[in-house]
Protein backbone atom coordinates (compact mmCIF):
# COMPACT_ATOMS: atom_id res chain seq x y z
CA MET A 1 0.16 -0.05 0.22
CA ASP A 2 1.07 3.80 -0.58
CA ILE A 3 0.57 5.71 2.33
CA THR A 4 0.52 9.28 2.56
CA LEU A 5 0.30 11.21 5.85
CA LEU A 6 -1.52 14.27 5.31
CA GLY A 7 -1.04 15.40 9.07
CA THR A 8 0.44 13.93 11.94
CA GLY A 9 -0.66 16.14 14.77
CA ALA A 10 -3.30 16.19 17.56
CA PRO A 11 -6.86 17.38 16.79
CA SER A 12 -5.84 21.04 17.47
CA GLY A 13 -2.47 20.53 15.58
CA LEU A 14 1.01 21.72 16.90
CA PRO A 15 1.51 24.05 17.65
CA ARG A 16 -1.71 24.37 19.25
CA PRO A 17 -3.34 27.68 18.48
CA ASP A 18 -3.04 30.39 21.41
CA CYS A 19 -0.38 27.83 23.66
CA SER A 20 2.60 29.75 24.63
CA CYS A 21 4.31 26.67 25.99
CA ALA A 22 8.00 25.75 25.32
CA ALA A 23 7.13 22.62 23.06
CA CYS A 24 4.57 24.86 20.75
CA ALA A 25 7.06 27.56 20.44
CA ARG A 26 9.70 25.12 19.18
CA ALA A 27 7.46 23.11 16.88
CA LEU A 28 8.61 24.99 13.62
CA GLY A 29 9.25 23.56 10.22
CA PRO A 30 8.80 19.86 10.12
CA GLU A 31 8.17 19.52 13.54
CA ALA A 32 4.93 21.72 12.90
CA ARG A 33 1.86 19.09 12.36
CA ALA A 34 -1.67 19.52 11.11
CA ALA A 35 -4.44 17.18 12.53
CA THR A 36 -3.73 13.27 11.63
CA SER A 37 -5.12 12.35 8.18
CA VAL A 38 -4.01 9.69 6.16
CA LEU A 39 -4.41 8.94 2.33
CA VAL A 40 -4.31 5.24 1.58
CA ASP A 41 -3.55 4.30 -2.03
CA GLY A 42 -5.21 7.53 -3.17
CA VAL A 43 -8.56 5.62 -2.41
CA LEU A 44 -9.25 5.83 1.08
CA LEU A 45 -9.05 8.89 3.25
CA LEU A 46 -8.76 7.84 7.07
CA ASP A 47 -10.04 11.03 8.92
CA LEU A 48 -11.14 14.20 7.29
CA THR A 49 -9.14 17.21 8.48
CA PRO A 50 -8.99 20.88 7.22
CA GLY A 51 -6.44 21.52 4.60
CA ALA A 52 -6.65 17.88 3.48
CA ALA A 53 -6.55 18.75 -0.27
CA LEU A 54 -3.83 21.20 0.05
CA ALA A 55 -1.60 18.96 2.09
CA ALA A 56 -2.20 15.90 -0.62
CA ALA A 57 -1.09 18.49 -3.42
CA ARG A 58 2.17 19.40 -1.25
CA ALA A 59 2.67 15.53 -1.09
CA GLY A 60 2.36 15.01 -4.89
CA ARG A 61 -1.12 13.45 -4.26
CA THR A 62 -4.51 13.99 -5.33
CA LEU A 63 -8.10 13.37 -3.39
CA HIS A 64 -10.05 13.21 -6.58
CA GLY A 65 -9.58 9.44 -6.63
CA VAL A 66 -10.79 8.84 -3.11
CA ARG A 67 -13.75 6.46 -2.96
CA GLN A 68 -14.05 6.05 0.89
CA VAL A 69 -13.99 8.51 3.54
CA VAL A 70 -14.08 7.12 7.35
CA LEU A 71 -13.88 9.18 10.65
CA ALA A 72 -11.74 8.24 13.37
CA HIS A 73 -11.05 11.22 15.40
CA PRO A 74 -13.71 11.92 18.06
CA HIS A 75 -15.13 15.24 16.21
CA ASP A 76 -16.59 17.53 18.64
CA GLY A 77 -17.40 20.18 15.86
CA PRO A 78 -18.76 20.34 12.21
CA ILE A 79 -17.14 18.12 9.71
CA PRO A 80 -14.67 20.35 7.67
CA GLU A 81 -15.84 20.69 3.88
CA LEU A 82 -14.24 19.11 0.98
CA SER A 83 -15.02 19.54 -2.50
CA GLY A 84 -18.16 17.92 -3.80
CA ASP A 85 -16.62 14.99 -5.72
CA LEU A 86 -15.57 13.25 -2.52
CA PRO A 87 -17.82 10.94 -1.03
CA PRO A 88 -19.59 11.79 2.23
CA ALA A 89 -17.50 11.10 5.23
CA VAL A 90 -18.79 8.05 7.50
CA ARG A 91 -18.05 6.71 10.91
CA LEU A 92 -18.32 2.77 10.49
CA PRO A 93 -19.90 0.79 13.82
CA ALA A 94 -17.28 -1.01 15.26
CA GLY A 95 -16.85 -4.58 13.79
CA GLU A 96 -18.24 -3.63 10.25
CA GLU A 97 -16.47 -4.25 6.97
CA VAL A 98 -16.73 -2.47 3.92
CA VAL A 99 -14.93 -3.60 0.73
CA LEU A 100 -14.05 -1.01 -1.93
CA LEU A 101 -13.98 -1.79 -5.73
CA THR A 102 -10.37 -1.24 -5.67
CA GLY A 103 -10.15 -4.51 -3.22
CA HIS A 104 -9.16 -2.40 -0.15
CA ARG A 105 -11.11 -3.87 3.03
CA VAL A 106 -11.69 -1.49 6.05
CA ARG A 107 -12.92 -2.83 9.30
CA ALA A 108 -14.08 -0.40 12.07
CA VAL A 109 -12.00 -1.31 15.31
CA ALA A 110 -13.52 -0.42 18.64
CA PRO A 111 -10.88 1.73 20.95
CA ASP A 112 -10.93 2.06 24.48
CA SER A 113 -11.53 5.87 24.19
CA PRO A 114 -14.06 8.20 22.06
CA GLY A 115 -13.41 7.65 18.43
CA THR A 116 -12.95 4.96 15.86
CA GLY A 117 -10.20 2.46 14.92
CA TYR A 118 -9.72 1.15 11.52
CA ALA A 119 -8.05 -2.18 10.31
CA VAL A 120 -7.11 -2.00 6.49
CA THR A 121 -6.11 -4.49 4.19
CA GLY A 122 -4.84 -3.64 0.89
CA PRO A 123 -5.29 -5.91 -2.32
CA ASP A 124 -1.56 -7.08 -1.98
CA GLY A 125 -2.44 -8.15 1.56
CA HIS A 126 -0.56 -5.67 3.29
CA ARG A 127 -2.48 -4.62 6.56
CA LEU A 128 -2.41 -1.25 8.32
CA LEU A 129 -3.93 -0.38 11.87
CA TYR A 130 -5.03 2.97 12.77
CA LEU A 131 -6.22 4.23 16.28
CA PRO A 132 -7.67 7.61 16.93
CA PRO A 133 -5.95 10.06 19.59
CA GLY A 134 -5.34 8.85 23.13
CA ALA A 135 -6.58 5.43 22.38
CA GLY A 136 -5.81 1.79 22.50
CA PRO A 137 -7.43 -1.37 21.27
CA ALA A 138 -10.55 -2.23 23.24
CA GLY A 139 -10.68 -6.12 24.46
CA ASP A 140 -8.06 -8.41 23.17
CA ARG A 141 -7.34 -9.30 19.47
CA THR A 142 -7.84 -12.84 18.17
CA ASP A 143 -5.51 -12.19 15.01
CA ARG A 144 -2.13 -12.56 16.17
CA THR A 145 -0.57 -11.88 13.13
CA PRO A 146 1.47 -8.25 13.12
CA VAL A 147 0.04 -5.74 10.83
CA ASP A 148 2.84 -4.12 8.34
CA LEU A 149 1.88 -0.43 9.66
CA CYS A 150 0.90 0.78 12.91
CA LEU A 151 -0.36 4.32 13.05
CA VAL A 152 -1.18 5.22 17.05
CA ASP A 153 -0.80 7.80 19.49
CA VAL A 154 2.66 6.25 21.00
CA VAL A 155 3.42 9.20 23.20
CA LYS A 156 0.04 9.55 25.04
CA ARG A 157 -0.74 5.84 24.96
CA PRO A 158 2.66 3.81 25.42
CA ASP A 159 0.44 1.38 27.37
CA ALA A 160 -1.83 0.63 24.20
CA VAL A 161 1.37 0.04 22.42
CA ALA A 162 2.78 -2.68 25.21
CA ARG A 163 -0.94 -4.07 24.76
CA LEU A 164 -0.64 -4.22 21.00
CA ARG A 165 2.77 -5.88 21.19
CA ALA A 166 1.54 -8.53 23.78
CA GLY A 167 -1.47 -9.38 21.47
CA GLY A 168 0.79 -9.48 18.45
CA ALA A 169 -0.64 -6.74 16.22
CA ILE A 170 2.93 -5.00 16.62
CA GLY A 171 5.86 -7.54 15.65
CA PRO A 172 9.30 -7.02 15.11
CA ALA A 173 8.80 -6.13 11.28
CA THR A 174 5.71 -3.84 11.78
CA ASP A 175 6.77 -0.10 10.78
CA LEU A 176 5.54 1.69 14.20
CA VAL A 177 4.70 5.48 13.59
CA ALA A 178 3.59 7.95 16.12
CA VAL A 179 0.55 10.09 14.94
CA HIS A 180 -1.76 12.49 16.93
CA LEU A 181 1.82 14.17 18.31
CA ASP A 182 0.93 17.15 20.63
CA HIS A 183 2.92 19.30 22.84
CA ASP A 184 3.49 16.58 25.63
CA VAL A 185 7.23 16.01 24.37
CA PRO A 186 9.15 18.87 23.17
CA PRO A 187 9.47 18.33 19.40
CA GLY A 188 12.84 17.66 17.76
CA PRO A 189 15.58 15.42 19.15
CA GLU A 190 13.68 14.73 22.40
CA LEU A 191 10.83 13.57 20.54
CA HIS A 192 12.78 11.36 18.07
CA ARG A 193 14.67 9.80 21.19
CA ARG A 194 11.83 8.63 23.12
CA LEU A 195 9.95 7.19 20.16
CA ALA A 196 13.20 5.42 19.03
CA ALA A 197 13.23 3.96 22.80
CA ALA A 198 9.64 2.52 21.88
CA GLY A 199 10.87 1.33 18.58
CA ALA A 200 8.69 4.01 16.83
CA ARG A 201 9.36 6.86 14.60
CA ALA A 202 7.79 10.11 13.48
CA ALA A 203 7.50 11.34 10.16
CA PRO A 204 6.52 15.04 9.02
CA ASP A 205 3.46 15.85 7.22
CA GLY A 206 3.40 14.80 3.78
CA ALA A 207 5.44 11.89 4.27
CA VAL A 208 5.09 9.25 1.72
CA PHE A 209 6.19 5.84 2.02
CA ALA A 210 4.95 2.00 0.98
CA THR A 211 4.26 -0.67 3.40
CA ASP A 212 6.36 -3.24 1.14
CA GLY A 213 9.52 -1.01 1.47
CA PRO A 214 12.00 -1.29 4.31
CA VAL A 215 11.03 -0.60 7.67
CA PRO A 216 13.10 2.29 9.02
CA THR A 217 12.16 1.76 12.61
CA PRO A 218 15.19 2.17 14.96
CA LEU A 219 16.38 -1.07 16.60
CA VAL A 220 15.99 -0.65 20.36
CA PRO A 221 19.26 -0.78 22.19
CA ARG A 222 19.28 -3.91 24.40
CA ARG A 223 21.31 -2.59 27.19
CA THR A 224 21.23 0.96 28.33
CA LEU A 225 22.60 2.92 31.30
CA VAL A 226 20.70 5.91 32.73
CA LEU A 227 22.84 8.05 34.82
CA GLY A 228 21.89 11.29 37.02
CA GLY A 229 22.07 12.93 40.05
CA ALA A 230 19.27 13.10 42.77
CA ARG A 231 15.69 13.96 41.60
CA SER A 232 17.16 14.52 38.18
CA GLY A 233 14.42 12.27 36.39
CA LYS A 234 16.83 9.39 35.80
CA SER A 235 14.31 6.70 37.15
CA LEU A 236 11.43 8.30 35.05
CA GLU A 237 13.35 8.18 31.85
CA ALA A 238 14.54 4.37 32.61
CA GLU A 239 10.73 3.74 32.73
CA ARG A 240 9.80 5.58 29.66
CA ARG A 241 12.30 3.54 27.77
CA LEU A 242 10.32 0.10 28.52
CA GLU A 243 6.74 1.62 29.22
CA THR A 244 5.78 0.43 25.61
CA PHE A 245 6.71 -3.41 26.38
CA PRO A 246 4.69 -5.86 27.99
CA ASP A 247 5.79 -7.99 30.86
CA VAL A 248 8.55 -5.86 32.27
CA VAL A 249 10.31 -7.21 35.31
CA TYR A 250 11.38 -4.20 37.95
CA ALA A 251 14.07 -5.32 39.77
CA ALA A 252 14.42 -3.03 42.83
CA THR A 253 17.83 -3.19 44.81
CA GLY A 254 16.69 -0.98 47.60
CA GLY A 255 15.37 -3.47 49.79
CA GLU A 256 12.46 -2.93 52.41
CA ARG A 257 13.19 -0.57 55.50
CA ALA A 258 10.22 -1.01 57.61
CA ASP A 259 11.02 1.87 60.13
CA ASP A 260 11.81 4.49 57.37
CA ALA A 261 8.33 6.07 56.61
CA GLU A 262 10.23 8.69 53.89
CA TRP A 263 11.34 5.43 52.31
CA ARG A 264 8.51 3.83 51.83
CA ASP A 265 6.78 6.82 50.50
CA ARG A 266 9.38 6.82 47.87
CA VAL A 267 8.85 3.17 46.78
CA ARG A 268 5.00 3.79 46.77
CA THR A 269 5.50 6.62 44.56
CA HIS A 270 7.77 4.86 42.02
CA ARG A 271 5.23 1.46 42.12
CA GLU A 272 2.42 3.80 41.40
CA ARG A 273 3.43 5.19 38.01
CA ARG A 274 4.75 1.91 36.80
CA PRO A 275 2.42 0.12 34.16
CA ALA A 276 0.04 -2.41 35.78
CA GLY A 277 1.49 -5.35 33.62
CA TRP A 278 4.73 -5.03 35.24
CA SER A 279 6.10 -7.08 37.95
CA THR A 280 8.71 -6.51 40.76
CA GLU A 281 11.43 -8.30 42.22
CA GLU A 282 13.04 -6.98 45.09
CA THR A 283 16.64 -8.23 45.34
CA VAL A 284 20.36 -7.43 45.92
CA ASP A 285 21.45 -9.91 43.57
CA PRO A 286 20.44 -9.29 39.99
CA VAL A 287 22.81 -11.31 38.54
CA PRO A 288 20.48 -14.77 38.42
CA LEU A 289 17.70 -12.59 36.76
CA LEU A 290 19.86 -11.16 34.22
CA ARG A 291 21.36 -14.74 33.44
CA ALA A 292 18.04 -16.01 32.91
CA GLU A 293 15.76 -15.98 29.86
CA GLY A 294 12.66 -13.89 30.16
CA PRO A 295 11.19 -10.41 29.52
CA PRO A 296 13.02 -6.82 29.84
CA VAL A 297 14.35 -5.96 33.05
CA LEU A 298 14.63 -2.64 34.60
CA LEU A 299 17.43 -2.61 37.11
CA ASP A 300 17.00 0.28 39.78
CA CYS A 301 19.56 1.30 41.16
CA LEU A 302 23.52 0.40 40.99
CA SER A 303 24.21 2.63 43.88
CA LEU A 304 21.83 0.86 46.34
CA TRP A 305 23.20 -2.28 44.93
CA LEU A 306 26.85 -1.28 45.46
CA THR A 307 25.78 -0.20 49.17
CA ALA A 308 24.26 -3.77 49.86
CA ALA A 309 27.35 -5.39 48.32
CA MET A 310 29.64 -3.40 50.75
CA ASP A 311 27.63 -4.03 53.62
CA ALA A 312 27.87 -7.91 52.98
CA ALA A 313 31.64 -7.29 52.57
CA GLY A 314 31.83 -5.27 55.47
CA ALA A 315 33.66 -2.46 53.39
CA TRP A 316 32.92 0.37 55.33
CA GLU A 317 35.60 -0.40 57.99
CA GLU A 318 39.28 0.56 56.92
CA ASP A 319 40.87 -2.73 58.20
CA ARG A 320 38.50 -4.96 56.58
CA TRP A 321 38.30 -3.08 53.21
CA ARG A 322 42.46 -3.91 53.30
CA ASP A 323 41.56 -7.19 54.42
CA GLY A 324 39.62 -8.74 51.71
CA ALA A 325 36.54 -6.21 51.27
CA ALA A 326 37.89 -4.63 48.42
CA ALA A 327 38.68 -7.44 46.29
CA GLU A 328 35.16 -9.05 47.29
CA VAL A 329 33.56 -5.91 46.28
CA ARG A 330 35.40 -5.65 43.01
CA ARG A 331 34.57 -9.10 42.29
CA ARG A 332 30.86 -8.45 42.68
CA ILE A 333 31.19 -5.57 40.42
CA GLY A 334 32.83 -7.74 37.50
CA GLU A 335 30.19 -10.45 38.02
CA LEU A 336 27.48 -7.94 37.48
CA ALA A 337 29.16 -6.09 34.78
CA GLY A 338 29.68 -9.84 33.11
CA ALA A 339 26.04 -10.88 33.62
CA ILE A 340 24.91 -7.50 31.86
CA ARG A 341 27.51 -8.39 28.89
CA THR A 342 26.07 -11.95 28.50
CA THR A 343 22.20 -11.37 29.24
CA ARG A 344 19.68 -12.05 26.59
CA ARG A 345 17.10 -9.89 28.04
CA THR A 346 16.76 -6.32 27.09
CA VAL A 347 18.03 -4.36 30.11
CA VAL A 348 17.76 -0.74 31.24
CA VAL A 349 20.06 -0.16 34.53
CA VAL A 350 19.86 3.18 36.56
CA SER A 351 22.67 4.75 38.42
CA ASN A 352 23.71 8.01 40.43
CA GLU A 353 26.40 9.82 38.88
CA VAL A 354 28.56 11.12 41.51
CA GLY A 355 31.93 12.82 42.05
CA SER A 356 31.39 16.07 40.51
CA GLY A 357 30.24 17.72 43.74
CA VAL A 358 32.09 18.07 47.33
CA VAL A 359 34.48 15.45 48.23
CA PRO A 360 32.75 13.29 51.03
CA ALA A 361 34.13 13.87 54.50
CA SER A 362 34.89 10.56 55.41
CA PRO A 363 37.01 7.87 54.19
CA ALA A 364 34.05 5.39 53.71
CA GLY A 365 32.03 7.94 52.05
CA ARG A 366 35.25 8.56 49.44
CA ARG A 367 35.58 4.72 49.09
CA PHE A 368 32.04 4.54 48.07
CA ARG A 369 32.27 7.40 45.64
CA ASP A 370 35.15 5.92 44.06
CA GLU A 371 33.45 2.18 43.90
CA LEU A 372 30.53 3.92 42.44
CA GLY A 373 32.54 5.63 39.79
CA ARG A 374 34.12 2.24 38.70
CA LEU A 375 30.88 0.24 38.89
CA ASN A 376 29.52 2.86 36.49
CA ALA A 377 32.35 2.69 34.04
CA ALA A 378 32.34 -1.04 34.13
CA VAL A 379 28.56 -1.40 33.51
CA ALA A 380 28.52 1.49 30.71
CA ALA A 381 31.15 -0.38 28.81
CA GLU A 382 28.66 -3.19 28.50
CA CYS A 383 25.91 -1.11 27.38
CA GLU A 384 24.84 0.05 23.62
CA GLN A 385 23.47 3.34 25.04
CA VAL A 386 24.50 5.56 28.08
CA LEU A 387 22.18 8.78 29.08
CA LEU A 388 22.86 11.39 31.77
CA VAL A 389 19.91 12.79 32.91
CA VAL A 390 20.00 16.49 33.91
CA ALA A 391 16.99 18.58 34.92
CA GLY A 392 15.00 15.98 33.80
CA THR A 393 16.60 16.01 30.24
CA ALA A 394 18.48 13.12 28.86
CA LEU A 395 21.44 13.86 27.21
CA PRO A 396 23.11 11.10 25.20
CA LEU A 397 26.61 10.13 25.82
CA ARG A 398 26.55 6.93 23.66
CA GLY A 399 24.04 5.49 21.24
């Protein structure tokens, strides 16, 4: 199928009218987006939006051959008027299918929010799934064969992408393209970095491509280290990198602290923002988890793991440090780095970046700082991607 993205933005477009946020201010050039509308093989129009005819002309296409117009957006206002040679726009009831004279089959899919989704099969057998803004699939999907192209609101509904992956609609060869893009994420490099972590991409308005062409979706790094200072947003960044994947294991190395109310509040905050489908494993020894087969793992965090390792070795005392504790801690560091090197799972690791501020006053504090620096370097050496998070902004150091 020949696909033309006439628009790729949210229903109100990007930048939003009368919005002064930083994201809207930066939505210029190819990052400016009209409301999402998709032209399929010049005969099927998914969503009727203002300026669709002009957008088609700019892309070197025409709407004169359109034989069916279907609505997906949950329109609140009047339907935009187009030229009289177009068929009337309709919203198909969920489950209903129409077959065009061209051989295209269009089936309405029920979403879990207002609007209508559509599954399109072309005469060549290639398939497209298109969902309205802010929507995921309603119910379970019986057909587990991956589609060739999936157009979905990746930014606002990462959980929907995870469900589509779990249900088989999105596979390794599926071209996952983000649409209905709004001002939730700053446009430009930040948007494209976040989408790449989900195995998705964004295309500019007017993009034209074919479902039988090469899939340009970026490969998700198998091992990622996310560094940052206290409250920098490093854990949130790490969670974002796996939120579009089902069955993630959250390996928490902090342990339980029954007598620490503030720590319990921190743990509860982390758990509440994780996707419902994730499982949590409290462990101070993640090596067996990394060596086992299974779904992706988020390991949070190395500094707490190192604290437990130094506790176990008695490494805080100078005499014991010199009498074997140093060797034991470094053996454990090498073992963990080796497990990350050989793991077959997708892994995102979180750690604190220290050593750039005040020198710790005590020998034990300086020892911890030094060993954490060595640990971070050892793990970074085994990761395809390394990020440093500063003030909630991720800076790529590698990958």
